[in-house]
N, C-alpha and C. Protein backbone atom coordinates (compact mmCIF):
# COMPACT_ATOMS: atom_id res chain seq x y z
N UNK A 1 69.87 -37.12 19.94
CA UNK A 1 68.47 -37.37 19.55
C UNK A 1 67.58 -37.35 20.85
N UNK A 2 66.92 -35.72 21.06
CA UNK A 2 66.13 -35.41 21.89
C UNK A 2 65.10 -36.72 22.61
N UNK A 3 64.77 -36.94 23.92
CA UNK A 3 63.40 -37.60 24.08
C UNK A 3 62.46 -37.26 24.36
N UNK A 4 61.43 -37.76 24.07
CA UNK A 4 60.07 -36.53 24.59
C UNK A 4 59.16 -37.26 25.18
N UNK A 5 59.18 -37.23 26.85
CA UNK A 5 58.29 -38.01 27.97
C UNK A 5 57.18 -37.43 27.75
N UNK A 6 55.81 -38.40 27.55
CA UNK A 6 54.49 -37.53 27.43
C UNK A 6 53.57 -38.33 28.51
N UNK A 7 53.46 -36.90 29.11
CA UNK A 7 52.65 -37.08 30.52
C UNK A 7 51.32 -36.81 30.47
N UNK A 8 50.80 -37.56 31.40
CA UNK A 8 49.27 -37.64 31.31
C UNK A 8 48.81 -38.38 32.92
N UNK A 9 47.44 -38.49 32.85
CA UNK A 9 46.00 -39.20 34.07
C UNK A 9 45.51 -38.36 34.36
N UNK A 10 44.50 -39.20 34.48
CA UNK A 10 43.05 -38.72 35.35
C UNK A 10 43.35 -37.01 36.04
N UNK A 11 42.14 -36.34 35.79
CA UNK A 11 41.95 -34.74 36.34
C UNK A 11 42.34 -34.98 37.89
N UNK A 12 42.91 -34.56 38.64
CA UNK A 12 43.05 -34.97 40.26
C UNK A 12 44.34 -35.66 40.25
N UNK A 13 44.46 -36.06 39.53
CA UNK A 13 45.69 -37.41 39.51
C UNK A 13 47.25 -36.16 39.78
N UNK A 14 47.07 -35.11 39.72
CA UNK A 14 48.32 -34.22 40.37
C UNK A 14 49.74 -34.67 39.26
N UNK A 15 49.61 -34.19 38.11
CA UNK A 15 50.23 -34.07 36.73
C UNK A 15 51.15 -32.80 37.13
N UNK A 16 50.25 -32.12 37.50
CA UNK A 16 51.05 -30.96 37.94
C UNK A 16 52.25 -30.70 38.66
N UNK A 17 52.11 -31.35 39.36
CA UNK A 17 53.22 -31.68 40.56
C UNK A 17 54.22 -32.73 40.06
N UNK A 18 54.24 -33.50 39.32
CA UNK A 18 54.82 -34.28 38.90
C UNK A 18 55.91 -33.44 37.96
N UNK A 19 55.35 -32.75 36.98
CA UNK A 19 55.87 -31.90 36.34
C UNK A 19 57.02 -30.64 36.99
N UNK A 20 55.85 -30.40 37.80
CA UNK A 20 57.05 -29.24 38.37
C UNK A 20 58.53 -30.08 38.67
N UNK A 21 58.19 -31.14 39.97
CA UNK A 21 59.51 -31.58 40.09
C UNK A 21 60.33 -32.21 38.80
N UNK A 22 60.03 -32.26 38.02
CA UNK A 22 61.08 -32.44 36.59
C UNK A 22 61.38 -31.36 35.80
N UNK A 23 60.97 -30.15 36.15
CA UNK A 23 61.19 -28.64 35.76
C UNK A 23 62.39 -28.37 36.97
N UNK A 24 62.43 -28.78 37.94
CA UNK A 24 63.23 -28.85 38.80
C UNK A 24 64.70 -28.99 38.83
N UNK A 25 64.31 -30.12 37.66
CA UNK A 25 65.74 -31.27 37.45
C UNK A 25 66.09 -30.38 35.97
N UNK A 26 65.85 -29.40 35.61
CA UNK A 26 66.18 -29.16 34.30
C UNK A 26 65.34 -29.14 32.92
N UNK A 27 64.28 -29.79 33.26
CA UNK A 27 63.61 -30.95 31.95
C UNK A 27 62.94 -29.50 31.53
N UNK A 28 62.83 -29.13 30.14
CA UNK A 28 61.62 -28.25 30.13
C UNK A 28 60.37 -29.02 29.66
N UNK A 29 59.05 -28.22 29.92
CA UNK A 29 57.50 -29.11 30.40
C UNK A 29 56.82 -28.10 28.82
N UNK A 30 56.42 -28.97 28.08
CA UNK A 30 55.39 -28.36 27.55
C UNK A 30 53.29 -29.15 27.85
N UNK A 31 53.05 -27.52 28.78
CA UNK A 31 51.59 -27.91 28.74
C UNK A 31 50.44 -27.48 27.78
N UNK A 32 50.58 -28.31 27.58
CA UNK A 32 48.99 -28.53 26.32
C UNK A 32 48.09 -27.27 26.34
N UNK A 33 47.42 -27.47 28.25
CA UNK A 33 46.42 -27.32 28.42
C UNK A 33 46.18 -25.60 28.01
N UNK A 34 47.10 -25.18 28.65
CA UNK A 34 47.89 -23.91 27.95
C UNK A 34 47.50 -23.19 27.32
N UNK A 35 48.59 -24.05 26.16
CA UNK A 35 48.66 -24.05 24.96
C UNK A 35 47.60 -23.59 23.89
N UNK A 36 46.59 -24.70 24.54
CA UNK A 36 45.14 -24.91 23.74
C UNK A 36 44.47 -23.03 23.80
N UNK A 37 44.25 -22.84 25.43
CA UNK A 37 43.82 -21.94 25.54
C UNK A 37 44.19 -20.83 25.00
N UNK A 38 45.82 -20.86 25.03
CA UNK A 38 46.19 -19.08 23.96
C UNK A 38 45.55 -19.70 22.57
N UNK A 39 45.62 -20.77 21.67
CA UNK A 39 44.85 -20.89 20.68
C UNK A 39 43.60 -20.35 21.10
N UNK A 40 42.74 -20.97 21.41
CA UNK A 40 41.33 -20.73 21.73
C UNK A 40 41.40 -18.86 21.47
N UNK A 41 42.13 -18.68 22.75
CA UNK A 41 42.32 -16.70 22.94
C UNK A 41 42.43 -16.54 22.02
N UNK A 42 43.53 -16.86 20.61
CA UNK A 42 44.16 -15.70 19.92
C UNK A 42 43.86 -16.12 18.25
N UNK A 43 43.17 -17.59 18.11
CA UNK A 43 43.38 -17.80 16.47
C UNK A 43 42.11 -17.91 16.19
N UNK A 44 41.45 -17.03 15.04
CA UNK A 44 40.54 -16.38 14.46
C UNK A 44 40.06 -17.70 13.94
N UNK A 45 40.45 -18.59 13.61
CA UNK A 45 40.14 -19.51 12.24
C UNK A 45 39.22 -20.72 13.25
N UNK A 46 39.66 -20.84 14.61
CA UNK A 46 39.32 -21.46 15.77
C UNK A 46 38.41 -20.63 16.32
N UNK A 47 37.80 -18.86 16.12
CA UNK A 47 36.54 -18.66 16.75
C UNK A 47 35.79 -19.06 15.63
N UNK A 48 36.18 -18.95 14.13
CA UNK A 48 34.88 -19.13 13.25
C UNK A 48 34.86 -20.81 13.51
N UNK A 49 35.72 -21.43 13.39
CA UNK A 49 34.77 -22.87 13.80
C UNK A 49 34.30 -22.68 14.97
N UNK A 50 34.15 -22.39 15.83
CA UNK A 50 33.31 -22.79 17.24
C UNK A 50 31.84 -22.05 16.84
N UNK A 51 32.33 -20.76 16.12
CA UNK A 51 30.66 -20.19 15.84
C UNK A 51 29.63 -21.26 14.74
N UNK A 52 30.86 -22.52 14.08
CA UNK A 52 29.94 -22.50 13.46
C UNK A 52 29.25 -24.17 13.46
N UNK A 53 30.28 -24.53 15.11
CA UNK A 53 29.66 -25.35 15.77
C UNK A 53 28.78 -25.44 16.75
N UNK A 54 28.99 -23.82 17.48
CA UNK A 54 28.13 -23.79 18.77
C UNK A 54 26.99 -22.43 18.02
N UNK A 55 27.30 -21.79 17.08
CA UNK A 55 26.53 -20.77 16.94
C UNK A 55 27.56 -19.62 17.70
N UNK A 56 26.56 -17.83 17.11
CA UNK A 56 27.49 -16.82 17.72
C UNK A 56 27.64 -16.73 19.53
N UNK A 57 26.91 -17.10 20.01
CA UNK A 57 27.06 -17.01 21.61
C UNK A 57 28.20 -17.42 22.14
N UNK A 58 29.22 -18.42 21.36
CA UNK A 58 30.54 -18.96 21.69
C UNK A 58 31.21 -18.04 21.69
N UNK A 59 31.77 -16.84 20.77
CA UNK A 59 32.34 -16.00 21.05
C UNK A 59 31.74 -14.49 21.37
N UNK A 60 32.61 -14.06 22.47
CA UNK A 60 32.24 -12.80 23.08
C UNK A 60 32.42 -11.07 22.06
N UNK A 61 31.89 -10.52 22.74
CA UNK A 61 31.85 -9.42 21.37
C UNK A 61 33.50 -8.53 21.40
N UNK A 62 34.02 -9.18 22.48
CA UNK A 62 35.37 -8.84 22.23
C UNK A 62 36.43 -9.74 21.89
N UNK A 63 35.86 -10.72 20.89
CA UNK A 63 36.42 -11.71 20.39
C UNK A 63 37.21 -13.05 20.95
N UNK A 64 36.63 -13.30 21.77
CA UNK A 64 37.13 -14.44 23.64
C UNK A 64 36.28 -15.65 23.13
N UNK A 65 36.71 -16.44 23.24
CA UNK A 65 35.62 -18.25 23.62
C UNK A 65 35.16 -17.33 25.03
N UNK A 66 33.71 -17.77 24.81
CA UNK A 66 32.64 -17.70 25.96
C UNK A 66 32.79 -18.82 27.25
N UNK A 67 33.74 -18.92 27.63
CA UNK A 67 33.53 -20.52 28.98
C UNK A 67 32.13 -20.75 29.32
N UNK A 68 31.57 -20.21 29.83
CA UNK A 68 30.08 -20.80 30.10
C UNK A 68 29.82 -21.85 28.81
N UNK A 69 29.59 -20.85 27.47
CA UNK A 69 28.96 -21.88 26.57
C UNK A 69 29.54 -22.77 25.88
N UNK A 70 31.34 -23.05 26.10
CA UNK A 70 32.11 -24.11 25.96
C UNK A 70 31.57 -25.27 26.40
N UNK A 71 31.73 -24.62 28.38
CA UNK A 71 31.83 -25.86 29.27
C UNK A 71 30.27 -26.65 28.87
N UNK A 72 29.22 -25.76 28.96
CA UNK A 72 28.27 -26.32 28.70
C UNK A 72 27.93 -27.27 27.63
N UNK A 73 28.72 -27.09 26.79
CA UNK A 73 28.28 -28.08 25.39
C UNK A 73 29.28 -29.32 25.70
N UNK A 74 30.64 -28.81 26.12
CA UNK A 74 31.49 -30.34 26.46
C UNK A 74 30.85 -31.20 27.52
N UNK A 75 30.11 -30.52 28.29
CA UNK A 75 29.39 -31.45 29.56
C UNK A 75 28.48 -32.73 28.92
N UNK A 76 27.76 -32.49 28.21
CA UNK A 76 26.85 -32.47 27.50
C UNK A 76 27.44 -34.55 26.95
N UNK A 77 28.57 -34.67 27.25
CA UNK A 77 29.10 -36.12 26.69
C UNK A 77 30.16 -36.03 26.18
N UNK A 78 31.06 -37.53 26.18
CA UNK A 78 32.12 -37.13 25.43
C UNK A 78 32.47 -37.05 24.24
N UNK A 79 31.61 -37.25 23.20
CA UNK A 79 31.24 -37.53 21.73
C UNK A 79 31.17 -35.38 21.53
N UNK A 80 30.53 -35.00 22.88
CA UNK A 80 30.74 -32.98 22.65
C UNK A 80 32.19 -32.55 22.46
N UNK A 81 32.55 -32.96 23.65
CA UNK A 81 34.19 -32.89 23.98
C UNK A 81 35.06 -33.11 22.63
N UNK A 82 34.70 -34.25 21.86
CA UNK A 82 35.33 -35.02 21.28
C UNK A 82 35.74 -33.49 19.93
N UNK A 83 34.26 -32.84 19.78
CA UNK A 83 34.25 -31.59 18.49
C UNK A 83 34.62 -30.56 18.74
N UNK A 84 34.90 -30.51 19.88
CA UNK A 84 35.75 -29.26 20.34
C UNK A 84 37.35 -29.52 20.11
N UNK A 85 37.03 -30.46 20.56
CA UNK A 85 38.69 -31.46 20.56
C UNK A 85 39.17 -31.53 19.01
N UNK A 86 38.50 -31.70 18.47
CA UNK A 86 38.90 -31.67 16.51
C UNK A 86 39.41 -30.16 15.95
N UNK A 87 38.73 -28.94 16.96
CA UNK A 87 38.93 -27.95 16.16
C UNK A 87 40.47 -27.73 16.82
N UNK A 88 40.68 -27.86 17.68
CA UNK A 88 41.58 -27.33 18.81
C UNK A 88 42.88 -27.92 19.00
N UNK A 89 43.07 -29.24 19.01
CA UNK A 89 43.91 -30.11 19.24
C UNK A 89 44.96 -29.83 18.19
N UNK A 90 44.23 -29.89 16.75
CA UNK A 90 45.64 -29.85 15.42
C UNK A 90 46.36 -28.39 15.43
N UNK A 91 45.70 -27.58 16.22
CA UNK A 91 46.80 -26.75 16.28
C UNK A 91 47.86 -26.64 17.59
N UNK A 92 47.09 -27.38 18.37
CA UNK A 92 48.43 -27.85 19.94
C UNK A 92 49.14 -28.35 19.69
N UNK A 93 48.99 -29.07 18.47
CA UNK A 93 49.72 -30.26 18.11
C UNK A 93 51.16 -29.31 16.99
N UNK A 94 50.51 -28.30 16.36
CA UNK A 94 51.25 -27.18 15.44
C UNK A 94 52.00 -26.85 16.78
N UNK A 95 51.97 -25.90 17.52
CA UNK A 95 52.80 -25.69 18.91
C UNK A 95 53.61 -26.02 19.72
N UNK A 96 52.92 -27.42 19.87
CA UNK A 96 53.69 -28.53 20.31
C UNK A 96 55.32 -29.40 19.55
N UNK A 97 55.23 -29.71 18.18
CA UNK A 97 55.74 -29.77 17.45
C UNK A 97 57.33 -28.47 16.94
N UNK A 98 56.32 -27.81 16.83
CA UNK A 98 57.51 -25.73 16.76
C UNK A 98 58.40 -25.99 18.51
N UNK A 99 57.79 -26.50 19.42
CA UNK A 99 58.17 -26.20 20.57
C UNK A 99 59.48 -27.42 20.82
N UNK A 100 59.30 -28.54 20.20
CA UNK A 100 60.20 -29.68 20.55
C UNK A 100 61.71 -29.51 19.53
N UNK A 101 60.81 -28.85 18.32
CA UNK A 101 62.51 -28.84 17.70
C UNK A 101 63.31 -27.53 18.17
N UNK A 102 62.24 -26.05 18.77
CA UNK A 102 63.43 -25.00 18.97
C UNK A 102 63.45 -25.88 20.65
N UNK A 103 62.69 -26.33 21.53
CA UNK A 103 63.93 -27.32 22.80
C UNK A 103 64.96 -28.31 22.45
N UNK A 104 65.05 -29.14 21.60
CA UNK A 104 66.06 -29.91 21.16
C UNK A 104 67.55 -29.18 20.98
N UNK A 105 67.58 -27.49 21.20
CA UNK A 105 68.82 -26.66 20.78
C UNK A 105 69.61 -27.13 22.12
N UNK A 106 68.48 -27.13 23.39
CA UNK A 106 69.19 -26.59 24.73
C UNK A 106 69.29 -28.26 25.05
N UNK A 107 70.13 -28.34 26.04
CA UNK A 107 71.22 -28.69 26.76
C UNK A 107 70.34 -30.07 27.15
N UNK A 108 69.44 -29.87 27.65
CA UNK A 108 68.48 -31.62 28.82
C UNK A 108 68.06 -32.39 27.53
N UNK A 109 68.61 -33.85 27.56
CA UNK A 109 68.55 -34.70 27.01
C UNK A 109 67.04 -35.58 27.04
N UNK A 110 66.29 -34.93 27.65
CA UNK A 110 65.09 -34.98 27.63
C UNK A 110 63.99 -33.75 27.84
N UNK A 111 63.14 -34.13 26.88
CA UNK A 111 61.91 -33.34 27.25
C UNK A 111 60.24 -34.25 27.55
N UNK A 112 59.56 -32.64 28.34
CA UNK A 112 58.29 -33.38 28.56
C UNK A 112 57.08 -32.74 28.24
N UNK A 113 56.44 -33.56 27.97
CA UNK A 113 54.52 -33.20 27.26
C UNK A 113 53.73 -33.32 28.06
N UNK A 114 53.14 -32.53 28.63
CA UNK A 114 52.05 -32.70 29.85
C UNK A 114 50.42 -32.43 28.71
N UNK A 115 49.75 -33.50 29.16
CA UNK A 115 48.46 -33.27 28.37
C UNK A 115 47.83 -34.22 28.91
N UNK A 116 46.67 -34.27 29.58
CA UNK A 116 45.44 -35.14 29.98
C UNK A 116 44.67 -35.87 28.98
N UNK A 117 45.03 -35.22 28.00
CA UNK A 117 44.63 -36.64 26.51
C UNK A 117 45.77 -37.09 25.79
N UNK A 118 46.44 -37.43 26.36
CA UNK A 118 47.74 -37.80 25.58
C UNK A 118 47.13 -38.37 24.40
N UNK A 119 46.83 -39.82 24.71
CA UNK A 119 46.73 -40.34 23.80
C UNK A 119 45.48 -40.29 23.03
N UNK A 120 43.87 -39.57 23.61
CA UNK A 120 42.97 -39.32 22.80
C UNK A 120 43.23 -38.46 22.01
N UNK A 121 44.29 -37.50 22.05
CA UNK A 121 44.80 -36.44 21.20
C UNK A 121 45.75 -37.06 20.39
N UNK A 122 46.25 -38.42 20.34
CA UNK A 122 47.14 -39.17 19.08
C UNK A 122 48.70 -38.09 19.38
N UNK A 123 48.77 -37.49 20.45
CA UNK A 123 50.21 -36.83 21.52
C UNK A 123 51.20 -37.15 21.68
N UNK A 124 50.88 -38.48 21.79
CA UNK A 124 51.80 -39.76 22.43
C UNK A 124 52.26 -39.97 21.29
N UNK A 125 51.95 -39.69 19.95
CA UNK A 125 53.03 -40.42 18.55
C UNK A 125 54.36 -39.56 18.47
N UNK A 126 53.95 -38.23 19.21
CA UNK A 126 55.39 -37.17 18.96
C UNK A 126 56.13 -37.70 20.52
N UNK A 127 55.94 -38.45 21.16
CA UNK A 127 57.08 -39.04 22.22
C UNK A 127 57.44 -40.13 21.93
N UNK A 128 58.77 -40.26 23.07
CA UNK A 128 59.29 -41.01 22.39
C UNK A 128 59.56 -42.20 24.28
N UNK A 129 58.32 -41.78 24.42
CA UNK A 129 57.86 -42.90 26.12
C UNK A 129 56.94 -41.97 26.40
N UNK A 130 55.98 -42.83 27.10
CA UNK A 130 55.00 -42.19 27.99
C UNK A 130 54.86 -42.82 29.69
N UNK A 131 54.01 -41.67 29.94
CA UNK A 131 53.91 -41.70 31.52
C UNK A 131 52.35 -41.65 31.96
N UNK A 132 51.99 -42.04 32.74
CA UNK A 132 50.65 -42.38 33.67
C UNK A 132 51.16 -41.70 35.14
N UNK A 133 50.20 -40.85 35.43
CA UNK A 133 50.15 -40.33 36.96
C UNK A 133 49.51 -40.66 37.66
N UNK A 134 48.74 -41.68 38.43
CA UNK A 134 47.46 -42.38 39.33
C UNK A 134 47.37 -42.02 40.98
N UNK A 135 46.50 -42.06 41.10
CA UNK A 135 46.14 -41.79 42.44
C UNK A 135 44.61 -42.53 42.55
N UNK A 136 44.75 -42.66 43.97
CA UNK A 136 42.99 -43.34 44.03
C UNK A 136 41.71 -42.52 43.44
N UNK A 137 40.74 -42.68 43.02
CA UNK A 137 39.51 -42.03 42.99
C UNK A 137 39.20 -40.65 43.66
N UNK A 138 39.13 -41.13 45.22
CA UNK A 138 38.83 -40.50 46.55
C UNK A 138 39.73 -39.97 46.41
N UNK A 139 41.26 -39.74 46.22
CA UNK A 139 42.06 -38.60 46.21
C UNK A 139 42.31 -37.92 45.68
N UNK A 140 41.36 -38.02 43.93
CA UNK A 140 41.23 -37.91 42.85
C UNK A 140 40.18 -36.62 43.28
N UNK A 141 38.93 -37.09 43.94
CA UNK A 141 37.71 -36.28 43.68
C UNK A 141 37.86 -35.14 44.68
N UNK A 142 38.91 -35.92 46.21
CA UNK A 142 39.08 -34.37 46.88
C UNK A 142 39.49 -33.33 46.68
N UNK A 143 41.10 -33.21 45.41
CA UNK A 143 41.60 -32.74 45.29
C UNK A 143 40.75 -31.60 43.83
N UNK A 144 39.74 -32.06 43.45
CA UNK A 144 38.63 -31.49 42.05
C UNK A 144 38.22 -30.62 43.25
N UNK A 145 37.67 -31.55 43.77
CA UNK A 145 36.33 -30.34 44.87
C UNK A 145 37.47 -29.22 45.13
N UNK A 146 38.47 -29.38 46.25
CA UNK A 146 38.87 -28.58 46.81
C UNK A 146 39.61 -27.57 45.65
N UNK A 147 39.87 -27.89 44.91
CA UNK A 147 40.44 -26.71 43.91
C UNK A 147 39.42 -25.90 43.05
N UNK A 148 38.75 -26.31 42.69
CA UNK A 148 37.66 -26.43 42.05
C UNK A 148 36.26 -25.66 42.29
N UNK A 149 36.50 -26.05 44.10
CA UNK A 149 34.96 -25.73 44.58
C UNK A 149 33.87 -25.87 44.24
N UNK A 150 33.82 -27.49 43.59
CA UNK A 150 32.72 -27.33 42.72
C UNK A 150 32.16 -29.20 44.23
N UNK A 151 31.19 -29.58 43.71
CA UNK A 151 30.47 -30.71 44.62
C UNK A 151 31.02 -32.02 44.06
N UNK A 152 31.07 -33.45 45.29
CA UNK A 152 31.39 -34.53 44.59
C UNK A 152 30.84 -34.72 43.68
N UNK A 153 29.45 -34.51 43.40
CA UNK A 153 29.02 -34.90 42.21
C UNK A 153 29.69 -34.61 40.97
N UNK A 154 29.85 -33.27 40.62
CA UNK A 154 30.23 -32.36 39.74
C UNK A 154 31.58 -32.93 39.18
N UNK A 155 32.95 -33.46 40.51
CA UNK A 155 33.69 -33.77 40.29
C UNK A 155 33.86 -34.94 39.47
N UNK A 156 32.85 -36.32 40.32
CA UNK A 156 32.34 -37.50 39.31
C UNK A 156 32.45 -37.30 38.03
N UNK A 157 31.56 -35.90 37.55
CA UNK A 157 30.97 -35.81 36.51
C UNK A 157 32.35 -35.25 35.44
N UNK A 158 33.17 -34.69 35.94
CA UNK A 158 34.35 -34.25 35.35
C UNK A 158 35.27 -35.50 35.01
N UNK A 159 35.49 -36.40 36.12
CA UNK A 159 36.19 -37.52 35.37
C UNK A 159 35.70 -38.47 34.44
N UNK A 160 34.15 -38.36 34.89
CA UNK A 160 33.69 -39.53 33.77
C UNK A 160 33.93 -39.01 32.17
N UNK A 161 34.00 -37.82 32.14
CA UNK A 161 34.11 -37.15 30.90
C UNK A 161 35.53 -37.89 30.26
N UNK A 162 36.63 -38.10 30.82
CA UNK A 162 37.83 -38.57 30.43
C UNK A 162 37.82 -40.10 30.77
N UNK A 163 39.07 -40.70 29.78
CA UNK A 163 39.16 -41.94 29.22
C UNK A 163 39.54 -42.84 31.35
N UNK A 164 39.07 -43.60 31.04
CA UNK A 164 39.41 -43.92 32.76
C UNK A 164 40.85 -44.17 32.84
N UNK A 165 41.42 -43.89 34.50
CA UNK A 165 42.77 -43.91 34.63
C UNK A 165 43.24 -45.39 34.64
N UNK A 166 42.64 -45.93 34.41
CA UNK A 166 42.94 -47.95 34.37
C UNK A 166 43.65 -47.61 32.83
N UNK A 167 42.56 -47.11 31.81
CA UNK A 167 42.87 -47.44 30.82
C UNK A 167 44.38 -46.04 30.39
N UNK A 168 44.36 -45.08 30.82
CA UNK A 168 45.28 -44.51 30.91
C UNK A 168 46.65 -44.95 30.87
N UNK A 169 46.56 -45.83 32.32
CA UNK A 169 47.71 -46.61 33.09
C UNK A 169 48.14 -47.68 32.15
N UNK A 170 47.07 -48.80 31.10
CA UNK A 170 47.39 -49.55 30.15
C UNK A 170 48.67 -49.40 29.27
N UNK A 171 47.97 -48.13 28.92
CA UNK A 171 48.31 -47.35 27.20
C UNK A 171 49.62 -47.06 27.58
N UNK A 172 49.99 -46.42 28.44
CA UNK A 172 51.68 -46.01 29.19
C UNK A 172 52.31 -46.70 29.22
N UNK A 173 53.38 -46.15 29.04
CA UNK A 173 54.97 -47.21 29.46
C UNK A 173 55.24 -47.12 30.76
N UNK A 174 54.75 -46.33 31.02
CA UNK A 174 55.64 -45.94 32.84
C UNK A 174 54.72 -45.18 33.88
N UNK A 175 54.68 -45.63 34.88
CA UNK A 175 53.65 -45.22 35.70
C UNK A 175 53.68 -44.85 37.12
N UNK A 176 53.79 -43.90 37.60
CA UNK A 176 54.24 -42.85 38.77
C UNK A 176 52.24 -43.04 40.34
N UNK A 177 52.99 -42.72 41.09
CA UNK A 177 51.54 -42.98 41.66
C UNK A 177 51.78 -41.58 42.33
N UNK A 178 50.38 -41.04 42.41
CA UNK A 178 50.95 -39.87 43.78
C UNK A 178 49.26 -39.58 44.47
N UNK A 179 49.27 -40.32 45.74
CA UNK A 179 48.44 -40.19 46.32
C UNK A 179 48.51 -39.68 47.53
N UNK A 180 49.52 -38.72 47.24
CA UNK A 180 49.07 -37.90 48.76
C UNK A 180 50.48 -39.18 49.56
N UNK A 181 51.05 -39.74 49.85
CA UNK A 181 51.56 -40.76 50.86
C UNK A 181 52.21 -41.46 50.28
N UNK A 182 52.53 -42.19 49.35
CA UNK A 182 53.54 -42.49 48.84
C UNK A 182 54.37 -41.46 48.13
N UNK A 183 55.83 -40.98 48.95
CA UNK A 183 56.83 -40.31 48.20
C UNK A 183 57.24 -39.68 46.79
N UNK A 184 57.33 -38.62 46.38
CA UNK A 184 57.40 -38.48 44.99
C UNK A 184 58.90 -38.28 44.42
N UNK A 185 59.19 -37.85 45.31
CA UNK A 185 60.75 -36.91 44.33
C UNK A 185 61.11 -38.74 44.42
N UNK A 186 61.37 -39.55 45.23
CA UNK A 186 62.59 -41.18 44.43
C UNK A 186 61.38 -41.51 43.37
N UNK A 187 60.30 -41.68 43.81
CA UNK A 187 59.88 -41.80 41.99
C UNK A 187 60.26 -41.43 40.60
N UNK A 188 60.43 -40.11 41.03
CA UNK A 188 61.11 -39.22 40.10
C UNK A 188 62.06 -39.52 39.41
N UNK A 189 63.14 -39.84 40.78
CA UNK A 189 64.42 -40.25 40.39
C UNK A 189 64.57 -41.21 39.89
N UNK A 190 63.92 -42.25 40.32
CA UNK A 190 64.02 -43.82 40.18
C UNK A 190 63.74 -43.54 38.22
N UNK A 191 62.67 -43.25 38.06
CA UNK A 191 62.11 -42.91 36.56
C UNK A 191 62.96 -42.17 35.67
N UNK A 192 63.62 -41.03 36.01
CA UNK A 192 65.17 -41.07 35.45
C UNK A 192 65.97 -41.56 34.88
N UNK A 193 66.21 -42.70 36.17
CA UNK A 193 67.81 -42.88 35.76
C UNK A 193 66.84 -44.16 35.52
N UNK A 194 66.33 -45.19 35.24
CA UNK A 194 65.66 -46.11 34.40
C UNK A 194 65.82 -45.29 33.54
N UNK A 195 65.00 -44.23 32.73
CA UNK A 195 65.32 -43.72 31.12
C UNK A 195 66.47 -43.83 31.25
N UNK A 196 67.78 -43.19 31.78
CA UNK A 196 68.71 -42.95 31.30
C UNK A 196 69.72 -44.28 30.90
N UNK A 197 69.25 -45.58 31.98
CA UNK A 197 69.69 -46.73 31.88
C UNK A 197 69.71 -47.70 30.84
N UNK A 198 68.19 -47.45 31.17
CA UNK A 198 67.32 -48.50 30.19
C UNK A 198 67.25 -48.08 28.78
N UNK A 199 66.77 -46.83 28.85
CA UNK A 199 66.36 -46.57 27.10
C UNK A 199 64.87 -45.49 27.87
N UNK A 200 64.40 -45.36 26.52
CA UNK A 200 63.13 -44.87 26.75
C UNK A 200 61.49 -45.21 26.08
N UNK A 201 61.95 -46.17 26.02
CA UNK A 201 60.52 -47.08 25.47
C UNK A 201 60.12 -48.56 26.43
N UNK A 202 60.88 -48.64 27.79
CA UNK A 202 61.08 -49.86 27.93
C UNK A 202 59.78 -49.35 29.30
N UNK A 203 58.60 -50.71 29.33
CA UNK A 203 57.29 -49.99 30.56
C UNK A 203 58.37 -51.16 31.47
N UNK A 204 57.67 -49.93 32.34
CA UNK A 204 57.76 -50.51 34.08
C UNK A 204 57.20 -49.81 34.94
N UNK A 205 56.95 -49.69 35.97
CA UNK A 205 55.51 -49.29 36.98
C UNK A 205 56.75 -48.58 37.91
N UNK A 206 56.56 -47.17 38.65
CA UNK A 206 57.47 -47.11 39.83
C UNK A 206 56.89 -48.13 40.51
N UNK A 207 57.71 -48.00 41.72
CA UNK A 207 57.38 -48.66 42.79
C UNK A 207 57.87 -48.31 44.47
């Protein structure tokens, strides 16, 4: 049986770095954000539903979602983002399940699914265990500002649109700290060792 580790964390927490370290260890990772972008780009049914929700300006003449229109809608509040997610997430989940089935034929005993909205989307129910990557607020704000070239206020606004980090950590089976000070490699190795030794649904925090 293949085990699936769902990986989540607030924006700026550094989930991608944790996933990269897992991939270095031969663990396949499914990135839900990338798959969502692919679905939104190519799925005509999604285009029709976005037009019904937002109007014809949601889709460009060449058949692509207009990022500015979607971003403006999503930033109105969590309920608006949820309207978009209800359109996109079911398609992403179908992709994820196909990927899990396909990758289950590989050699790795563990697969990973990266999702900022792991619990909000319900993707966690397809996982054997869940991991929250956490970092202090100021570290997350600084990372977002550098990465996206935005103001502190805008970074805080983006953070505020998501489930609080503390709630993600409480819901997750396991946590890893990615604060730029605490070494990540020992935490990853400890995580994989404990998962292998104690099972994939025993709750603990990496220290």
